PDB file of N, CA and C in Angstrom:
ATOM      1  N   UNK A   1       0.827  -1.203   0.000  1.00  0.00           N
ATOM      2  CA  UNK A   1       0.000   0.000   0.000  1.00  0.00           C
ATOM      3  C   UNK A   1       0.866   1.262   0.000  1.00  0.00           C
ATOM      4  N   UNK A   2       1.977   1.237   0.744  1.00  0.00           N
ATOM      5  CA  UNK A   2       2.824   2.420   0.823  1.00  0.00           C
ATOM      6  C   UNK A   2       3.719   2.577  -0.391  1.00  0.00           C
ATOM      7  N   UNK A   3       3.947   1.490  -1.122  1.00  0.00           N
ATOM      8  CA  UNK A   3       4.853   1.551  -2.259  1.00  0.00           C
ATOM      9  C   UNK A   3       4.154   1.369  -3.596  1.00  0.00           C
ATOM     10  N   UNK A   4       2.842   1.611  -3.636  1.00  0.00           N
ATOM     11  CA  UNK A   4       2.153   1.519  -4.922  1.00  0.00           C
ATOM     12  C   UNK A   4       2.595   2.677  -5.806  1.00  0.00           C
ATOM     13  N   UNK A   5       2.331   2.567  -7.084  1.00  0.00           N
ATOM     14  CA  UNK A   5       2.817   3.565  -8.050  1.00  0.00           C
ATOM     15  C   UNK A   5       2.345   4.973  -7.737  1.00  0.00           C
ATOM     16  N   UNK A   6       1.079   5.129  -7.389  1.00  0.00           N
ATOM     17  CA  UNK A   6       0.576   6.490  -7.151  1.00  0.00           C
ATOM     18  C   UNK A   6       1.174   7.102  -5.884  1.00  0.00           C
ATOM     19  N   UNK A   7       1.307   6.321  -4.831  1.00  0.00           N
ATOM     20  CA  UNK A   7       1.913   6.852  -3.596  1.00  0.00           C
ATOM     21  C   UNK A   7       3.362   7.233  -3.838  1.00  0.00           C
ATOM     22  N   UNK A   8       4.069   6.387  -4.564  1.00  0.00           N
ATOM     23  CA  UNK A   8       5.469   6.665  -4.875  1.00  0.00           C
ATOM     24  C   UNK A   8       5.594   7.948  -5.701  1.00  0.00           C
ATOM     25  N   UNK A   9       4.741   8.092  -6.703  1.00  0.00           N
ATOM     26  CA  UNK A   9       4.769   9.292  -7.542  1.00  0.00           C
ATOM     27  C   UNK A   9       4.419  10.533  -6.735  1.00  0.00           C
ATOM     28  N   UNK A  10       3.462  10.428  -5.846  1.00  0.00           N
ATOM     29  CA  UNK A  10       3.083  11.573  -5.017  1.00  0.00           C
ATOM     30  C   UNK A  10       4.215  11.970  -4.073  1.00  0.00           C
ATOM     31  N   UNK A  11       4.911  10.985  -3.503  1.00  0.00           N
ATOM     32  CA  UNK A  11       6.038  11.310  -2.620  1.00  0.00           C
ATOM     33  C   UNK A  11       7.159  12.007  -3.393  1.00  0.00           C
ATOM     34  N   UNK A  12       7.429  11.555  -4.611  1.00  0.00           N
ATOM     35  CA  UNK A  12       8.449  12.207  -5.444  1.00  0.00           C
ATOM     36  C   UNK A  12       8.010  13.630  -5.775  1.00  0.00           C
ATOM     37  N   UNK A  13       6.729  13.800  -6.093  1.00  0.00           N
ATOM     38  CA  UNK A  13       6.218  15.135  -6.412  1.00  0.00           C
ATOM     39  C   UNK A  13       6.351  16.073  -5.218  1.00  0.00           C
ATOM     40  N   UNK A  14       6.012  15.590  -4.032  1.00  0.00           N
ATOM     41  CA  UNK A  14       6.130  16.417  -2.822  1.00  0.00           C
ATOM     42  C   UNK A  14       7.591  16.810  -2.598  1.00  0.00           C
ATOM     43  N   UNK A  15       8.506  15.864  -2.752  1.00  0.00           N
ATOM     44  CA  UNK A  15       9.929  16.166  -2.573  1.00  0.00           C
ATOM     45  C   UNK A  15      10.412  17.178  -3.612  1.00  0.00           C
ATOM     46  N   UNK A  16      10.000  17.000  -4.855  1.00  0.00           N
ATOM     47  CA  UNK A  16      10.400  17.928  -5.913  1.00  0.00           C
ATOM     48  C   UNK A  16       9.839  19.318  -5.698  1.00  0.00           C
ATOM     49  N   UNK A  17       8.582  19.381  -5.300  1.00  0.00           N
ATOM     50  CA  UNK A  17       7.958  20.684  -5.061  1.00  0.00           C
ATOM     51  C   UNK A  17       8.557  21.372  -3.837  1.00  0.00           C
ATOM     52  N   UNK A  18       8.921  20.603  -2.818  1.00  0.00           N
ATOM     53  CA  UNK A  18       9.587  21.182  -1.645  1.00  0.00           C
ATOM     54  C   UNK A  18      10.952  21.739  -2.043  1.00  0.00           C
ATOM     55  N   UNK A  19      11.672  21.013  -2.886  1.00  0.00           N
ATOM     56  CA  UNK A  19      12.972  21.503  -3.370  1.00  0.00           C
ATOM     57  C   UNK A  19      12.790  22.774  -4.183  1.00  0.00           C
ATOM     58  N   UNK A  20      11.726  22.831  -4.972  1.00  0.00           N
ATOM     59  CA  UNK A  20      11.450  24.037  -5.763  1.00  0.00           C
ATOM     60  C   UNK A  20      11.138  25.217  -4.844  1.00  0.00           C
ATOM     61  N   UNK A  21      10.373  24.983  -3.781  1.00  0.00           N
ATOM     62  CA  UNK A  21      10.060  26.063  -2.840  1.00  0.00           C
ATOM     63  C   UNK A  21      11.347  26.603  -2.198  1.00  0.00           C
ATOM     64  N   UNK A  22      12.262  25.717  -1.876  1.00  0.00           N
ATOM     65  CA  UNK A  22      13.542  26.139  -1.302  1.00  0.00           C
ATOM     66  C   UNK A  22      14.324  26.979  -2.306  1.00  0.00           C
ATOM     67  N   UNK A  23      14.351  26.541  -3.551  1.00  0.00           N
ATOM     68  CA  UNK A  23      15.064  27.291  -4.598  1.00  0.00           C
ATOM     69  C   UNK A  23      14.442  28.673  -4.795  1.00  0.00           C
ATOM     70  N   UNK A  24      13.120  28.733  -4.803  1.00  0.00           N
ATOM     71  CA  UNK A  24      12.425  30.014  -4.970  1.00  0.00           C
ATOM     72  C   UNK A  24      12.763  30.948  -3.800  1.00  0.00           C
ATOM     73  N   UNK A  25      12.737  30.416  -2.586  1.00  0.00           N
ATOM     74  CA  UNK A  25      13.059  31.235  -1.405  1.00  0.00           C
ATOM     75  C   UNK A  25      14.492  31.757  -1.492  1.00  0.00           C
ATOM     76  N   UNK A  26      15.412  30.893  -1.918  1.00  0.00           N
ATOM     77  CA  UNK A  26      16.799  31.336  -2.078  1.00  0.00           C
ATOM     78  C   UNK A  26      16.927  32.395  -3.172  1.00  0.00           C
ATOM     79  N   UNK A  27      16.208  32.198  -4.266  1.00  0.00           N
ATOM     80  CA  UNK A  27      16.242  33.171  -5.357  1.00  0.00           C
ATOM     81  C   UNK A  27      15.768  34.539  -4.878  1.00  0.00           C
ATOM     82  N   UNK A  28      14.639  34.548  -4.199  1.00  0.00           N
ATOM     83  CA  UNK A  28      14.074  35.825  -3.734  1.00  0.00           C
ATOM     84  C   UNK A  28      14.991  36.474  -2.706  1.00  0.00           C
ATOM     85  N   UNK A  29      15.564  35.666  -1.815  1.00  0.00           N
ATOM     86  CA  UNK A  29      16.431  36.258  -0.787  1.00  0.00           C
ATOM     87  C   UNK A  29      17.732  36.804  -1.375  1.00  0.00           C
ATOM     88  N   UNK A  30      18.077  36.365  -2.576  1.00  0.00           N
ATOM     89  CA  UNK A  30      19.302  36.843  -3.227  1.00  0.00           C
ATOM     90  C   UNK A  30      19.019  37.786  -4.393  1.00  0.00           C
ATOM     91  N   UNK A  31      17.865  38.397  -4.402  1.00  0.00           N
ATOM     92  CA  UNK A  31      17.448  39.225  -5.538  1.00  0.00           C
ATOM     93  C   UNK A  31      18.383  40.410  -5.783  1.00  0.00           C
ATOM     94  N   UNK A  32      19.067  40.878  -4.766  1.00  0.00           N
ATOM     95  CA  UNK A  32      19.987  42.009  -4.910  1.00  0.00           C
ATOM     96  C   UNK A  32      21.455  41.594  -4.844  1.00  0.00           C
ATOM     97  N   UNK A  33      21.723  40.306  -4.771  1.00  0.00           N
ATOM     98  CA  UNK A  33      23.102  39.821  -4.662  1.00  0.00           C
ATOM     99  C   UNK A  33      23.784  39.873  -6.031  1.00  0.00           C
ATOM    100  N   UNK A  34      24.822  40.670  -6.176  1.00  0.00           N
ATOM    101  CA  UNK A  34      25.509  40.741  -7.471  1.00  0.00           C
ATOM    102  C   UNK A  34      26.058  39.375  -7.884  1.00  0.00           C
ATOM    103  N   UNK A  35      25.838  39.024  -9.136  1.00  0.00           N
ATOM    104  CA  UNK A  35      26.358  37.779  -9.682  1.00  0.00           C
ATOM    105  C   UNK A  35      25.542  36.545  -9.364  1.00  0.00           C
ATOM    106  N   UNK A  36      24.492  36.683  -8.558  1.00  0.00           N
ATOM    107  CA  UNK A  36      23.680  35.508  -8.213  1.00  0.00           C
ATOM    108  C   UNK A  36      22.851  35.087  -9.419  1.00  0.00           C
ATOM    109  N   UNK A  37      22.871  33.798  -9.712  1.00  0.00           N
ATOM    110  CA  UNK A  37      22.078  33.242 -10.813  1.00  0.00           C
ATOM    111  C   UNK A  37      20.947  32.419 -10.208  1.00  0.00           C
ATOM    112  N   UNK A  38      19.734  32.671 -10.649  1.00  0.00           N
ATOM    113  CA  UNK A  38      18.554  31.978 -10.130  1.00  0.00           C
ATOM    114  C   UNK A  38      18.673  30.473 -10.340  1.00  0.00           C
ATOM    115  N   UNK A  39      18.104  29.716  -9.413  1.00  0.00           N
ATOM    116  CA  UNK A  39      18.077  28.256  -9.491  1.00  0.00           C
ATOM    117  C   UNK A  39      16.677  27.813  -9.917  1.00  0.00           C
ATOM    118  N   UNK A  40      16.630  26.771 -10.705  1.00  0.00           N
ATOM    119  CA  UNK A  40      15.372  26.177 -11.163  1.00  0.00           C
ATOM    120  C   UNK A  40      15.400  24.694 -10.816  1.00  0.00           C
ATOM    121  N   UNK A  41      14.268  24.154 -10.393  1.00  0.00           N
ATOM    122  CA  UNK A  41      14.171  22.739 -10.042  1.00  0.00           C
ATOM    123  C   UNK A  41      13.282  22.044 -11.055  1.00  0.00           C
ATOM    124  N   UNK A  42      13.790  20.960 -11.608  1.00  0.00           N
ATOM    125  CA  UNK A  42      13.052  20.174 -12.606  1.00  0.00           C
ATOM    126  C   UNK A  42      12.905  18.746 -12.099  1.00  0.00           C
ATOM    127  N   UNK A  43      11.731  18.178 -12.258  1.00  0.00           N
ATOM    128  CA  UNK A  43      11.510  16.771 -11.947  1.00  0.00           C
ATOM    129  C   UNK A  43      10.294  16.202 -12.674  1.00  0.00           C
ATOM    130  N   UNK A  44       9.392  17.061 -13.136  1.00  0.00           N
ATOM    131  CA  UNK A  44       8.131  16.596 -13.713  1.00  0.00           C
ATOM    132  C   UNK A  44       8.323  15.718 -14.948  1.00  0.00           C
ATOM    133  N   UNK A  45       9.206  16.129 -15.849  1.00  0.00           N
ATOM    134  CA  UNK A  45       9.392  15.348 -17.079  1.00  0.00           C
ATOM    135  C   UNK A  45       9.955  13.971 -16.777  1.00  0.00           C
ATOM    136  N   UNK A  46      10.918  13.908 -15.873  1.00  0.00           N
ATOM    137  CA  UNK A  46      11.505  12.618 -15.514  1.00  0.00           C
ATOM    138  C   UNK A  46      10.470  11.737 -14.804  1.00  0.00           C
ATOM    139  N   UNK A  47       9.647  12.334 -13.946  1.00  0.00           N
ATOM    140  CA  UNK A  47       8.601  11.593 -13.246  1.00  0.00           C
ATOM    141  C   UNK A  47       7.572  11.057 -14.236  1.00  0.00           C
ATOM    142  N   UNK A  48       7.155  11.909 -15.170  1.00  0.00           N
ATOM    143  CA  UNK A  48       6.196  11.476 -16.185  1.00  0.00           C
ATOM    144  C   UNK A  48       6.774  10.353 -17.040  1.00  0.00           C
ATOM    145  N   UNK A  49       8.040  10.485 -17.412  1.00  0.00           N
ATOM    146  CA  UNK A  49       8.690   9.448 -18.210  1.00  0.00           C
ATOM    147  C   UNK A  49       8.726   8.114 -17.490  1.00  0.00           C
ATOM    148  N   UNK A  50       9.054   8.146 -16.203  1.00  0.00           N
ATOM    149  CA  UNK A  50       9.097   6.906 -15.418  1.00  0.00           C
ATOM    150  C   UNK A  50       7.710   6.290 -15.321  1.00  0.00           C
ATOM    151  N   UNK A  51       6.713   7.119 -15.097  1.00  0.00           N
ATOM    152  CA  UNK A  51       5.346   6.606 -14.981  1.00  0.00           C
ATOM    153  C   UNK A  51       4.852   6.047 -16.311  1.00  0.00           C
ATOM    154  N   UNK A  52       5.155   6.732 -17.406  1.00  0.00           N
ATOM    155  CA  UNK A  52       4.734   6.267 -18.731  1.00  0.00           C
ATOM    156  C   UNK A  52       5.360   4.921 -19.092  1.00  0.00           C
ATOM    157  N   UNK A  53       6.596   4.699 -18.627  1.00  0.00           N
ATOM    158  CA  UNK A  53       7.301   3.450 -18.919  1.00  0.00           C
ATOM    159  C   UNK A  53       6.957   2.344 -17.932  1.00  0.00           C
ATOM    160  N   UNK A  54       6.159   2.663 -16.912  1.00  0.00           N
ATOM    161  CA  UNK A  54       5.816   1.674 -15.895  1.00  0.00           C
ATOM    162  C   UNK A  54       6.925   1.440 -14.891  1.00  0.00           C
ATOM    163  N   UNK A  55       7.897   2.335 -14.854  1.00  0.00           N
ATOM    164  CA  UNK A  55       9.017   2.210 -13.913  1.00  0.00           C
ATOM    165  C   UNK A  55       8.639   2.809 -12.566  1.00  0.00           C
ATOM    166  N   UNK A  56       9.420   2.482 -11.566  1.00  0.00           N
ATOM    167  CA  UNK A  56       9.198   3.030 -10.239  1.00  0.00           C
ATOM    168  C   UNK A  56       9.554   4.512 -10.219  1.00  0.00           C
ATOM    169  N   UNK A  57       8.703   5.297  -9.601  1.00  0.00           N
ATOM    170  CA  UNK A  57       8.967   6.733  -9.478  1.00  0.00           C
ATOM    171  C   UNK A  57       9.994   7.010  -8.393  1.00  0.00           C
ATOM    172  N   UNK A  58      10.251   6.032  -7.541  1.00  0.00           N
ATOM    173  CA  UNK A  58      11.159   6.263  -6.412  1.00  0.00           C
ATOM    174  C   UNK A  58      12.584   6.590  -6.845  1.00  0.00           C
ATOM    175  N   UNK A  59      12.950   6.249  -8.075  1.00  0.00           N
ATOM    176  CA  UNK A  59      14.283   6.567  -8.565  1.00  0.00           C
ATOM    177  C   UNK A  59      14.416   7.969  -9.127  1.00  0.00           C
ATOM    178  N   UNK A  60      13.312   8.697  -9.190  1.00  0.00           N
ATOM    179  CA  UNK A  60      13.333  10.056  -9.745  1.00  0.00           C
ATOM    180  C   UNK A  60      13.746  11.028  -8.649  1.00  0.00           C
ATOM    181  N   UNK A  61      14.734  11.854  -8.958  1.00  0.00           N
ATOM    182  CA  UNK A  61      15.172  12.875  -8.003  1.00  0.00           C
ATOM    183  C   UNK A  61      15.132  14.247  -8.679  1.00  0.00           C
ATOM    184  N   UNK A  62      14.770  15.267  -7.921  1.00  0.00           N
ATOM    185  CA  UNK A  62      14.743  16.612  -8.494  1.00  0.00           C
ATOM    186  C   UNK A  62      16.153  17.063  -8.878  1.00  0.00           C
ATOM    187  N   UNK A  63      16.247  17.766  -9.995  1.00  0.00           N
ATOM    188  CA  UNK A  63      17.539  18.318 -10.387  1.00  0.00           C
ATOM    189  C   UNK A  63      17.476  19.839 -10.286  1.00  0.00           C
ATOM    190  N   UNK A  64      18.505  20.405  -9.688  1.00  0.00           N
ATOM    191  CA  UNK A  64      18.587  21.855  -9.515  1.00  0.00           C
ATOM    192  C   UNK A  64      19.564  22.382 -10.555  1.00  0.00           C
ATOM    193  N   UNK A  65      19.070  23.314 -11.359  1.00  0.00           N
ATOM    194  CA  UNK A  65      19.892  23.885 -12.425  1.00  0.00           C
ATOM    195  C   UNK A  65      19.955  25.396 -12.265  1.00  0.00           C
ATOM    196  N   UNK A  66      20.978  25.981 -12.823  1.00  0.00           N
ATOM    197  CA  UNK A  66      21.112  27.433 -12.824  1.00  0.00           C
ATOM    198  C   UNK A  66      20.374  27.985 -14.029  1.00  0.00           C
ATOM    199  N   UNK A  67      19.583  29.015 -13.793  1.00  0.00           N
ATOM    200  CA  UNK A  67      18.813  29.644 -14.862  1.00  0.00           C
ATOM    201  C   UNK A  67      19.734  30.302 -15.883  1.00  0.00           C
ATOM    202  N   UNK A  68      19.363  30.182 -17.129  1.00  0.00           N
ATOM    203  CA  UNK A  68      20.136  30.799 -18.216  1.00  0.00           C
ATOM    204  C   UNK A  68      19.498  32.098 -18.704  1.00  0.00           C
ATOM    205  N   UNK A  69      18.550  32.607 -17.937  1.00  0.00           N
ATOM    206  CA  UNK A  69      17.895  33.864 -18.292  1.00  0.00           C
ATOM    207  C   UNK A  69      18.923  34.994 -18.329  1.00  0.00           C
ATOM    208  N   UNK A  70      18.647  36.021 -19.116  1.00  0.00           N
ATOM    209  CA  UNK A  70      19.574  37.168 -19.180  1.00  0.00           C
ATOM    210  C   UNK A  70      19.757  37.809 -17.804  1.00  0.00           C
ATOM    211  N   UNK A  71      20.910  38.393 -17.609  1.00  0.00           N
ATOM    212  CA  UNK A  71      21.215  39.013 -16.319  1.00  0.00           C
ATOM    213  C   UNK A  71      21.055  40.527 -16.381  1.00  0.00           C
ATOM    214  N   UNK A  72      20.928  41.099 -15.192  1.00  0.00           N
ATOM    215  CA  UNK A  72      20.926  42.555 -15.045  1.00  0.00           C
ATOM    216  C   UNK A  72      22.386  43.017 -15.085  1.00  0.00           C
ATOM    217  N   UNK A  73      22.623  44.299 -15.107  1.00  0.00           N
ATOM    218  CA  UNK A  73      24.010  44.786 -15.149  1.00  0.00           C
ATOM    219  C   UNK A  73      24.898  44.260 -14.015  1.00  0.00           C
ATOM    220  N   UNK A  74      24.294  43.912 -12.867  1.00  0.00           N
ATOM    221  CA  UNK A  74      25.092  43.408 -11.747  1.00  0.00           C
ATOM    222  C   UNK A  74      25.327  41.895 -11.830  1.00  0.00           C
ATOM    223  N   UNK A  75      24.877  41.262 -12.909  1.00  0.00           N
ATOM    224  CA  UNK A  75      25.097  39.833 -13.093  1.00  0.00           C
ATOM    225  C   UNK A  75      24.036  38.948 -12.458  1.00  0.00           C
ATOM    226  N   UNK A  76      23.045  39.536 -11.827  1.00  0.00           N
ATOM    227  CA  UNK A  76      21.959  38.803 -11.179  1.00  0.00           C
ATOM    228  C   UNK A  76      20.831  38.615 -12.189  1.00  0.00           C
ATOM    229  N   UNK A  77      20.190  37.434 -12.179  1.00  0.00           N
ATOM    230  CA  UNK A  77      19.096  37.214 -13.128  1.00  0.00           C
ATOM    231  C   UNK A  77      17.791  36.796 -12.456  1.00  0.00           C
ATOM    232  N   UNK A  78      17.611  37.133 -11.182  1.00  0.00           N
ATOM    233  CA  UNK A  78      16.365  36.809 -10.484  1.00  0.00           C
ATOM    234  C   UNK A  78      15.287  37.788 -10.921  1.00  0.00           C
ATOM    235  N   UNK A  79      14.142  37.251 -11.336  1.00  0.00           N
ATOM    236  CA  UNK A  79      12.992  38.046 -11.752  1.00  0.00           C
ATOM    237  C   UNK A  79      11.909  37.854 -10.689  1.00  0.00           C
ATOM    238  N   UNK A  80      11.621  38.896  -9.923  1.00  0.00           N
ATOM    239  CA  UNK A  80      10.678  38.789  -8.809  1.00  0.00           C
ATOM    240  C   UNK A  80       9.288  38.370  -9.280  1.00  0.00           C
ATOM    241  N   UNK A  81       8.824  38.901 -10.393  1.00  0.00           N
ATOM    242  CA  UNK A  81       7.498  38.521 -10.898  1.00  0.00           C
ATOM    243  C   UNK A  81       7.435  37.028 -11.213  1.00  0.00           C
ATOM    244  N   UNK A  82       8.453  36.537 -11.883  1.00  0.00           N
ATOM    245  CA  UNK A  82       8.506  35.108 -12.232  1.00  0.00           C
ATOM    246  C   UNK A  82       8.585  34.242 -10.977  1.00  0.00           C
ATOM    247  N   UNK A  83       9.388  34.651 -10.020  1.00  0.00           N
ATOM    248  CA  UNK A  83       9.529  33.881  -8.781  1.00  0.00           C
ATOM    249  C   UNK A  83       8.224  33.878  -7.985  1.00  0.00           C
ATOM    250  N   UNK A  84       7.521  34.995  -7.962  1.00  0.00           N
ATOM    251  CA  UNK A  84       6.252  35.079  -7.244  1.00  0.00           C
ATOM    252  C   UNK A  84       5.219  34.150  -7.868  1.00  0.00           C
ATOM    253  N   UNK A  85       5.096  34.177  -9.183  1.00  0.00           N
ATOM    254  CA  UNK A  85       4.155  33.286  -9.862  1.00  0.00           C
ATOM    255  C   UNK A  85       4.541  31.825  -9.661  1.00  0.00           C
ATOM    256  N   UNK A  86       5.814  31.524  -9.733  1.00  0.00           N
ATOM    257  CA  UNK A  86       6.283  30.157  -9.525  1.00  0.00           C
ATOM    258  C   UNK A  86       5.981  29.708  -8.093  1.00  0.00           C
ATOM    259  N   UNK A  87       6.139  30.613  -7.141  1.00  0.00           N
ATOM    260  CA  UNK A  87       5.833  30.292  -5.745  1.00  0.00           C
ATOM    261  C   UNK A  87       4.352  29.937  -5.577  1.00  0.00           C
ATOM    262  N   UNK A  88       3.483  30.727  -6.168  1.00  0.00           N
ATOM    263  CA  UNK A  88       2.041  30.471  -6.059  1.00  0.00           C
ATOM    264  C   UNK A  88       1.693  29.128  -6.699  1.00  0.00           C
ATOM    265  N   UNK A  89       2.184  28.889  -7.904  1.00  0.00           N
ATOM    266  CA  UNK A  89       1.920  27.637  -8.610  1.00  0.00           C
ATOM    267  C   UNK A  89       2.448  26.438  -7.825  1.00  0.00           C
ATOM    268  N   UNK A  90       3.665  26.545  -7.335  1.00  0.00           N
ATOM    269  CA  UNK A  90       4.284  25.445  -6.605  1.00  0.00           C
ATOM    270  C   UNK A  90       3.545  25.167  -5.302  1.00  0.00           C
ATOM    271  N   UNK A  91       3.134  26.200  -4.603  1.00  0.00           N
ATOM    272  CA  UNK A  91       2.390  26.021  -3.356  1.00  0.00           C
ATOM    273  C   UNK A  91       1.070  25.303  -3.611  1.00  0.00           C
ATOM    274  N   UNK A  92       0.367  25.691  -4.661  1.00  0.00           N
ATOM    275  CA  UNK A  92      -0.904  25.036  -4.978  1.00  0.00           C
ATOM    276  C   UNK A  92      -0.685  23.566  -5.334  1.00  0.00           C
ATOM    277  N   UNK A  93       0.332  23.274  -6.127  1.00  0.00           N
ATOM    278  CA  UNK A  93       0.632  21.882  -6.492  1.00  0.00           C
ATOM    279  C   UNK A  93       1.056  21.066  -5.267  1.00  0.00           C
ATOM    280  N   UNK A  94       1.860  21.658  -4.407  1.00  0.00           N
ATOM    281  CA  UNK A  94       2.305  20.985  -3.187  1.00  0.00           C
ATOM    282  C   UNK A  94       1.105  20.627  -2.309  1.00  0.00           C
ATOM    283  N   UNK A  95       0.214  21.593  -2.092  1.00  0.00           N
ATOM    284  CA  UNK A  95      -0.972  21.347  -1.270  1.00  0.00           C
ATOM    285  C   UNK A  95      -1.848  20.247  -1.866  1.00  0.00           C
ATOM    286  N   UNK A  96      -1.990  20.238  -3.180  1.00  0.00           N
ATOM    287  CA  UNK A  96      -2.775  19.201  -3.842  1.00  0.00           C
ATOM    288  C   UNK A  96      -2.143  17.824  -3.641  1.00  0.00           C
ATOM    289  N   UNK A  97      -0.837  17.720  -3.791  1.00  0.00           N
ATOM    290  CA  UNK A  97      -0.153  16.439  -3.603  1.00  0.00           C
ATOM    291  C   UNK A  97      -0.257  15.964  -2.158  1.00  0.00           C
ATOM    292  N   UNK A  98      -0.129  16.875  -1.216  1.00  0.00           N
ATOM    293  CA  UNK A  98      -0.263  16.507   0.202  1.00  0.00           C
ATOM    294  C   UNK A  98      -1.675  16.018   0.486  1.00  0.00           C
ATOM    295  N   UNK A  99      -2.679  16.687  -0.049  1.00  0.00           N
ATOM    296  CA  UNK A  99      -4.063  16.244   0.146  1.00  0.00           C
ATOM    297  C   UNK A  99      -4.296  14.864  -0.451  1.00  0.00           C
ATOM    298  N   UNK A 100      -3.717  14.609  -1.610  1.00  0.00           N
ATOM    299  CA  UNK A 100      -3.874  13.301  -2.245  1.00  0.00           C
ATOM    300  C   UNK A 100      -3.231  12.214  -1.383  1.00  0.00           C
ATOM    301  N   UNK A 101      -2.029  12.467  -0.871  1.00  0.00           N
ATOM    302  CA  UNK A 101      -1.380  11.497   0.012  1.00  0.00           C
ATOM    303  C   UNK A 101      -2.183  11.304   1.295  1.00  0.00           C
ATOM    304  N   UNK A 102      -2.666  12.394   1.840  1.00  0.00           N
ATOM    305  CA  UNK A 102      -3.463  12.310   3.059  1.00  0.00           C
ATOM    306  C   UNK A 102      -4.720  11.468   2.823  1.00  0.00           C
ATOM    307  N   UNK A 103      -5.331  11.642   1.663  1.00  0.00           N
ATOM    308  CA  UNK A 103      -6.519  10.856   1.328  1.00  0.00           C
ATOM    309  C   UNK A 103      -6.198   9.375   1.236  1.00  0.00           C
ATOM    310  N   UNK A 104      -5.085   9.049   0.595  1.00  0.00           N
ATOM    311  CA  UNK A 104      -4.677   7.642   0.485  1.00  0.00           C
ATOM    312  C   UNK A 104      -4.399   7.041   1.861  1.00  0.00           C
ATOM    313  N   UNK A 105      -3.697   7.774   2.704  1.00  0.00           N
ATOM    314  CA  UNK A 105      -3.377   7.262   4.028  1.00  0.00           C
ATOM    315  C   UNK A 105      -4.614   7.257   4.931  1.00  0.00           C
ATOM    316  N   UNK A 106      -5.534   8.160   4.683  1.00  0.00           N
ATOM    317  CA  UNK A 106      -6.792   8.164   5.434  1.00  0.00           C
ATOM    318  C   UNK A 106      -7.589   6.895   5.164  1.00  0.00           C
ATOM    319  N   UNK A 107      -7.604   6.453   3.915  1.00  0.00           N
ATOM    320  CA  UNK A 107      -8.285   5.198   3.578  1.00  0.00           C
ATOM    321  C   UNK A 107      -7.626   4.030   4.300  1.00  0.00           C
ATOM    322  N   UNK A 108      -6.317   4.039   4.362  1.00  0.00           N
ATOM    323  CA  UNK A 108      -5.590   2.984   5.047  1.00  0.00           C
ATOM    324  C   UNK A 108      -5.902   2.999   6.546  1.00  0.00           C
ATOM    325  N   UNK A 109      -5.943   4.195   7.133  1.00  0.00           N
ATOM    326  CA  UNK A 109      -6.276   4.305   8.561  1.00  0.00           C
ATOM    327  C   UNK A 109      -7.662   3.736   8.843  1.00  0.00           C
ATOM    328  N   UNK A 110      -8.618   4.063   7.971  1.00  0.00           N
ATOM    329  CA  UNK A 110      -9.988   3.554   8.154  1.00  0.00           C
ATOM    330  C   UNK A 110     -10.023   2.041   8.009  1.00  0.00           C
ATOM    331  N   UNK A 111      -9.270   1.491   7.082  1.00  0.00           N
ATOM    332  CA  UNK A 111      -9.249   0.034   6.907  1.00  0.00           C
ATOM    333  C   UNK A 111      -8.644  -0.643   8.129  1.00  0.00           C
ATOM    334  N   UNK A 112      -7.622  -0.039   8.693  1.00  0.00           N
ATOM    335  CA  UNK A 112      -6.991  -0.619   9.896  1.00  0.00           C
ATOM    336  C   UNK A 112      -7.934  -0.571  11.078  1.00  0.00           C
ATOM    337  N   UNK A 113      -8.661   0.546  11.220  1.00  0.00           N
ATOM    338  CA  UNK A 113      -9.627   0.691  12.312  1.00  0.00           C
ATOM    339  C   UNK A 113     -10.769  -0.298  12.177  1.00  0.00           C
ATOM    340  N   UNK A 114     -11.072  -0.650  10.925  1.00  0.00           N
ATOM    341  CA  UNK A 114     -12.193  -1.547  10.676  1.00  0.00           C
ATOM    342  C   UNK A 114     -13.522  -0.827  10.642  1.00  0.00           C
ATOM    343  N   UNK A 115     -13.464   0.471  10.384  1.00  0.00           N
ATOM    344  CA  UNK A 115     -14.703   1.252  10.378  1.00  0.00           C
ATOM    345  C   UNK A 115     -15.488   1.101   9.125  1.00  0.00           C
TER     346      UNK A 115
END
């Protein structure tokens, strides 16, 4: 029950989205740091590929890359508008994945209780 495909995929998604939230927070906190290059977290394509092939999602790990967006004169390329939108999107996806996991584990709790 804990290692079925959907639970595994949801756990990978939660980990990837948490890593993205950390990257976004770091990006925003370094918005004025000269030479700082924004970080981007990718995992969705690899997760989808594993699921499409019937492989275990547990082997998928988020990858953190440096953004190749153009820089400002100080060498920094953090875009506050982009980071804000990404934060909102990521938070909504994270909450949805947590609710889905909670629902799956709630069913398991009810089955154990015998209710």
